[in-house]
Amino acid sequence: MNYDCLAPTGAIRVAIAVGSTKSAVWTRIPEGGTEPEGVTVDLARAIGARTGLPVSLVPLSSSAEIIATADDGVWDISFTPIDASRRAAVLVGTAFHVGESSYLVRADSPFRRAEDLHRPGIVILGVAGTATLRSAEKVAGGATLIAAANLAEARTGFAEGKGDALALGRLALEDIAREMPGTRVTEGNFHVAETAVIAPKGHDAALAVASELVRGLKADGTVRESFLRHAMPEAVIPPDETRG
């Protein structure tokens, strides 16, 4: 197979979301480190190994920024949660994770389930432009949503008591809850989405090749091994791909 379409500049430029937690899409720079770690970094490195092409990571602040820069020529492929608006903005290929979004609340919060927070008088923090926050807006039921510029800002706001809940994907929330004593994740969800490999519009060949590679990484256990390595054994890997 010819992989040149993945690297028009000589290296495969892979956009990744870098924040203060890890999930199917978020990566994090460890304390004292300089390079982000996470599932999408592992997938990028594995794709480089399979193709024999160099990989250049393009760190961005969130999946929203990844989508926003899709037409700027700064990345060749990436991985983001998918919803209808993103299908209109980028080419969508093979999915490697199915996840749900819920809320982080304080341990003494009266709210047990995600839907309990969808009422007037509640303040929900999230990351601007993400599929999770857009979904929360649709079901908020009068709750006030605050869109932080990035994950670090959203986490800080929650820690400082500026909101009743923090909206994120469950894997990210569980990672944060382990690091933030006195918090828990609400039961249930308000959004379910696949995370998939994507490419900018017009890069159909690159998407087809990247999708085939991700299918192979799912089939040989590489994706599962990555989730296990990053302490996410409960991650759900879909058996079939999402087609764009």
Protein backbone atom coordinates (compact mmCIF):
# COMPACT_ATOMS: atom_id res chain seq x y z
CA MET A 1 0.00 0.00 0.00
CA ASN A 2 1.21 3.51 -0.82
CA TYR A 3 1.18 5.68 2.29
CA ASP A 4 2.45 8.92 0.76
CA CYS A 5 -1.01 10.49 0.91
CA LEU A 6 -0.73 10.50 4.71
CA ALA A 7 2.38 12.67 4.68
CA PRO A 8 2.23 15.38 2.00
CA THR A 9 4.94 17.32 3.86
CA GLY A 10 7.16 14.29 4.47
CA ALA A 11 5.84 13.41 7.94
CA ILE A 12 2.38 12.40 9.13
CA ARG A 13 1.16 15.42 11.07
CA VAL A 14 -1.23 14.09 13.71
CA ALA A 15 -3.28 16.60 15.69
CA ILE A 16 -3.84 15.62 19.30
CA ALA A 17 -5.82 17.22 22.13
CA VAL A 18 -3.53 18.04 25.05
CA GLY A 19 -5.07 18.78 28.43
CA SER A 20 -4.87 17.91 32.11
CA THR A 21 -6.30 14.39 31.88
CA LYS A 22 -6.26 11.33 29.65
CA SER A 23 -9.14 9.67 27.80
CA ALA A 24 -9.87 8.22 24.38
CA VAL A 25 -9.06 11.65 22.91
CA TRP A 26 -7.33 13.71 25.62
CA THR A 27 -3.58 13.35 26.15
CA ARG A 28 -1.51 14.74 28.98
CA ILE A 29 2.10 15.80 29.48
CA PRO A 30 3.33 13.96 32.60
CA GLU A 31 4.92 15.90 35.43
CA GLY A 32 8.52 16.58 34.53
CA GLY A 33 7.96 15.49 30.93
CA THR A 34 7.86 17.34 27.65
CA GLU A 35 5.89 14.98 25.39
CA PRO A 36 2.17 14.21 25.74
CA GLU A 37 1.06 10.68 26.57
CA GLY A 38 -2.22 8.99 25.79
CA VAL A 39 -4.14 6.69 23.50
CA THR A 40 -4.06 8.96 20.46
CA VAL A 41 -0.30 9.41 20.83
CA ASP A 42 0.05 5.62 20.89
CA LEU A 43 -2.11 5.33 17.77
CA ALA A 44 -0.09 8.00 15.98
CA ARG A 45 3.17 6.23 16.82
CA ALA A 46 1.75 2.87 15.76
CA ILE A 47 0.63 4.30 12.42
CA GLY A 48 4.12 5.68 11.92
CA ALA A 49 5.64 2.28 12.67
CA ARG A 50 3.27 0.51 10.27
CA THR A 51 3.91 2.92 7.43
CA GLY A 52 7.59 3.59 7.99
CA LEU A 53 6.86 7.31 7.90
CA PRO A 54 7.95 9.87 10.50
CA VAL A 55 5.20 11.24 12.74
CA SER A 56 4.93 14.84 13.88
CA LEU A 57 2.48 15.50 16.72
CA VAL A 58 0.48 18.72 16.45
CA PRO A 59 -0.65 19.56 19.99
CA LEU A 60 -3.90 21.52 20.23
CA SER A 61 -6.01 22.56 23.20
CA SER A 62 -9.09 20.42 22.55
CA SER A 63 -11.00 18.42 19.96
CA ALA A 64 -12.82 21.67 19.18
CA GLU A 65 -9.54 23.30 18.14
CA ILE A 66 -8.66 20.25 16.07
CA ILE A 67 -11.90 20.65 14.12
CA ALA A 68 -11.49 24.43 13.88
CA THR A 69 -8.08 24.03 12.22
CA ALA A 70 -9.11 21.29 9.79
CA ASP A 71 -8.88 23.60 6.79
CA ASP A 72 -5.69 25.37 7.87
CA GLY A 73 -3.27 22.78 6.48
CA VAL A 74 -1.56 22.18 9.84
CA TRP A 75 -2.46 18.49 10.31
CA ASP A 76 -3.07 15.46 8.11
CA ILE A 77 -5.08 13.14 10.35
CA SER A 78 -6.45 13.25 13.86
CA PHE A 79 -8.83 11.53 16.27
CA THR A 80 -11.93 13.18 17.79
CA PRO A 81 -15.36 12.37 19.14
CA ILE A 82 -17.92 12.54 16.35
CA ASP A 83 -21.29 14.24 16.08
CA ALA A 84 -23.37 15.62 13.21
CA SER A 85 -21.66 19.01 13.09
CA ARG A 86 -18.24 17.38 12.88
CA ARG A 87 -19.35 15.11 10.06
CA ALA A 88 -20.13 18.30 8.16
CA ALA A 89 -16.69 19.76 8.89
CA VAL A 90 -14.28 16.84 8.33
CA LEU A 91 -14.03 13.38 6.80
CA VAL A 92 -14.81 10.66 9.34
CA GLY A 93 -13.29 7.20 9.25
CA THR A 94 -12.90 4.17 11.50
CA ALA A 95 -14.04 4.52 15.11
CA PHE A 96 -11.87 3.05 17.88
CA HIS A 97 -13.90 3.97 20.97
CA VAL A 98 -17.52 4.43 22.05
CA GLY A 99 -17.88 6.63 25.10
CA GLU A 100 -20.47 8.46 27.11
CA SER A 101 -20.44 11.89 28.67
CA SER A 102 -21.50 12.61 32.21
CA TYR A 103 -20.61 14.99 35.05
CA LEU A 104 -18.06 15.34 37.82
CA VAL A 105 -19.70 16.55 41.03
CA ARG A 106 -18.62 16.93 44.64
CA ALA A 107 -18.99 13.84 46.79
CA ASP A 108 -21.68 15.48 48.93
CA SER A 109 -23.68 16.68 45.93
CA PRO A 110 -27.37 15.72 46.03
CA PHE A 111 -27.25 14.87 42.35
CA ARG A 112 -26.79 11.14 41.64
CA ARG A 113 -27.61 10.83 37.96
CA ALA A 114 -26.58 13.02 35.03
CA GLU A 115 -30.13 14.13 34.32
CA ASP A 116 -30.53 15.41 37.89
CA LEU A 117 -28.40 18.42 36.94
CA HIS A 118 -30.61 19.50 34.05
CA ARG A 119 -32.59 22.17 35.86
CA PRO A 120 -32.59 25.93 36.48
CA GLY A 121 -30.14 27.19 39.07
CA ILE A 122 -27.43 24.64 38.25
CA VAL A 123 -24.09 25.77 36.80
CA ILE A 124 -22.24 23.33 34.53
CA LEU A 125 -18.65 23.88 33.38
CA GLY A 126 -17.22 22.44 30.17
CA VAL A 127 -14.71 23.03 27.40
CA ALA A 128 -15.82 25.40 24.65
CA GLY A 129 -16.69 23.86 21.30
CA THR A 130 -16.52 20.23 22.39
CA ALA A 131 -19.17 17.73 21.39
CA THR A 132 -19.79 17.09 25.10
CA LEU A 133 -20.59 20.70 25.90
CA ARG A 134 -22.79 21.11 22.82
CA SER A 135 -24.75 18.04 23.88
CA ALA A 136 -25.06 19.34 27.44
CA GLU A 137 -26.48 22.58 26.07
CA LYS A 138 -29.22 20.65 24.28
CA VAL A 139 -30.42 18.87 27.41
CA ALA A 140 -29.57 21.49 30.06
CA GLY A 141 -33.19 22.09 31.07
CA GLY A 142 -32.48 25.63 32.17
CA ALA A 143 -29.08 24.99 33.75
CA THR A 144 -26.39 27.60 33.08
CA LEU A 145 -23.43 26.38 31.04
CA ILE A 146 -20.02 28.02 31.23
CA ALA A 147 -17.65 27.34 28.33
CA ALA A 148 -14.02 27.42 29.45
CA ALA A 149 -11.29 28.07 26.90
CA ASN A 150 -9.52 24.80 27.74
CA LEU A 151 -9.66 21.82 30.06
CA ALA A 152 -7.28 23.26 32.64
CA GLU A 153 -9.50 26.35 32.99
CA ALA A 154 -12.63 24.19 33.31
CA ARG A 155 -11.02 22.00 35.99
CA THR A 156 -9.79 25.00 37.93
CA GLY A 157 -13.22 26.61 37.81
CA PHE A 158 -14.82 23.48 39.18
CA ALA A 159 -12.18 23.11 41.90
CA GLU A 160 -12.75 26.74 42.92
CA GLY A 161 -16.50 26.16 43.25
CA LYS A 162 -17.53 28.17 40.20
CA GLY A 163 -19.88 25.40 39.05
CA ASP A 164 -21.92 22.51 40.36
CA ALA A 165 -20.57 20.07 37.78
CA LEU A 166 -17.91 19.52 35.14
CA ALA A 167 -19.07 18.00 31.83
CA LEU A 168 -16.67 15.62 30.05
CA GLY A 169 -16.41 12.13 28.66
CA ARG A 170 -16.61 9.43 31.34
CA LEU A 171 -13.04 8.20 30.89
CA ALA A 172 -11.70 11.71 31.45
CA LEU A 173 -14.02 12.28 34.41
CA GLU A 174 -12.94 9.06 36.11
CA ASP A 175 -9.30 10.02 35.62
CA ILE A 176 -9.93 13.44 37.18
CA ALA A 177 -11.94 11.95 40.06
CA ARG A 178 -8.97 9.74 40.96
CA GLU A 179 -6.82 12.86 41.23
CA MET A 180 -9.39 15.09 42.94
CA PRO A 181 -10.48 13.72 46.33
CA GLY A 182 -14.01 14.54 47.38
CA THR A 183 -15.50 14.19 43.91
CA ARG A 184 -17.41 11.51 42.03
CA VAL A 185 -18.88 10.91 38.58
CA THR A 186 -22.66 10.93 38.16
CA GLU A 187 -24.43 7.78 37.07
CA GLY A 188 -25.86 7.58 33.55
CA ASN A 189 -25.02 9.87 30.68
CA PHE A 190 -26.41 12.66 28.49
CA HIS A 191 -24.39 11.89 25.37
CA VAL A 192 -22.89 8.86 23.65
CA ALA A 193 -20.40 9.23 20.80
CA GLU A 194 -17.75 7.37 18.88
CA THR A 195 -14.20 8.63 18.67
CA ALA A 196 -12.78 8.09 15.20
CA VAL A 197 -9.90 8.87 12.91
CA ILE A 198 -10.57 11.97 10.81
CA ALA A 199 -9.02 13.88 7.92
CA PRO A 200 -9.64 17.30 6.38
CA LYS A 201 -12.22 17.56 3.61
CA GLY A 202 -10.78 16.63 0.24
CA HIS A 203 -8.21 14.22 1.70
CA ASP A 204 -10.20 11.09 0.88
CA ALA A 205 -7.17 8.94 0.09
CA ALA A 206 -5.54 9.80 3.42
CA LEU A 207 -8.72 8.95 5.29
CA ALA A 208 -9.09 5.61 3.51
CA VAL A 209 -5.52 4.61 4.34
CA ALA A 210 -5.74 5.84 7.94
CA SER A 211 -9.04 3.99 8.43
CA GLU A 212 -7.52 0.75 7.18
CA LEU A 213 -4.59 1.21 9.55
CA VAL A 214 -6.85 1.85 12.54
CA ARG A 215 -8.90 -1.23 11.67
CA GLY A 216 -5.67 -3.22 11.80
CA LEU A 217 -4.70 -1.69 15.14
CA LYS A 218 -8.08 -2.69 16.54
CA ALA A 219 -7.84 -6.22 15.14
CA ASP A 220 -4.35 -6.97 16.47
CA GLY A 221 -5.05 -5.66 19.97
CA THR A 222 -2.94 -2.49 19.76
CA VAL A 223 -5.91 -0.25 20.63
CA ARG A 224 -6.93 -2.42 23.58
CA GLU A 225 -3.35 -2.54 24.85
CA SER A 226 -3.16 1.25 24.71
CA PHE A 227 -6.30 1.70 26.78
CA LEU A 228 -4.96 -0.80 29.33
CA ARG A 229 -1.59 0.97 29.44
CA HIS A 230 -3.31 4.23 30.29
CA ALA A 231 -5.49 2.70 33.02
CA MET A 232 -8.73 2.62 31.04
CA PRO A 233 -9.69 -1.08 31.05
CA GLU A 234 -13.38 -0.24 30.81
CA ALA A 235 -13.00 1.48 27.41
CA VAL A 236 -15.48 0.20 24.82
CA ILE A 237 -13.96 -0.52 21.41
CA PRO A 238 -16.57 -0.82 18.63
CA PRO A 239 -16.37 -3.87 16.38
CA ASP A 240 -17.41 -1.97 13.25
CA GLU A 241 -16.19 1.26 11.76
CA THR A 242 -18.01 4.55 11.37
CA ARG A 243 -18.15 5.63 7.76
CA GLY A 244 -18.10 9.27 6.82
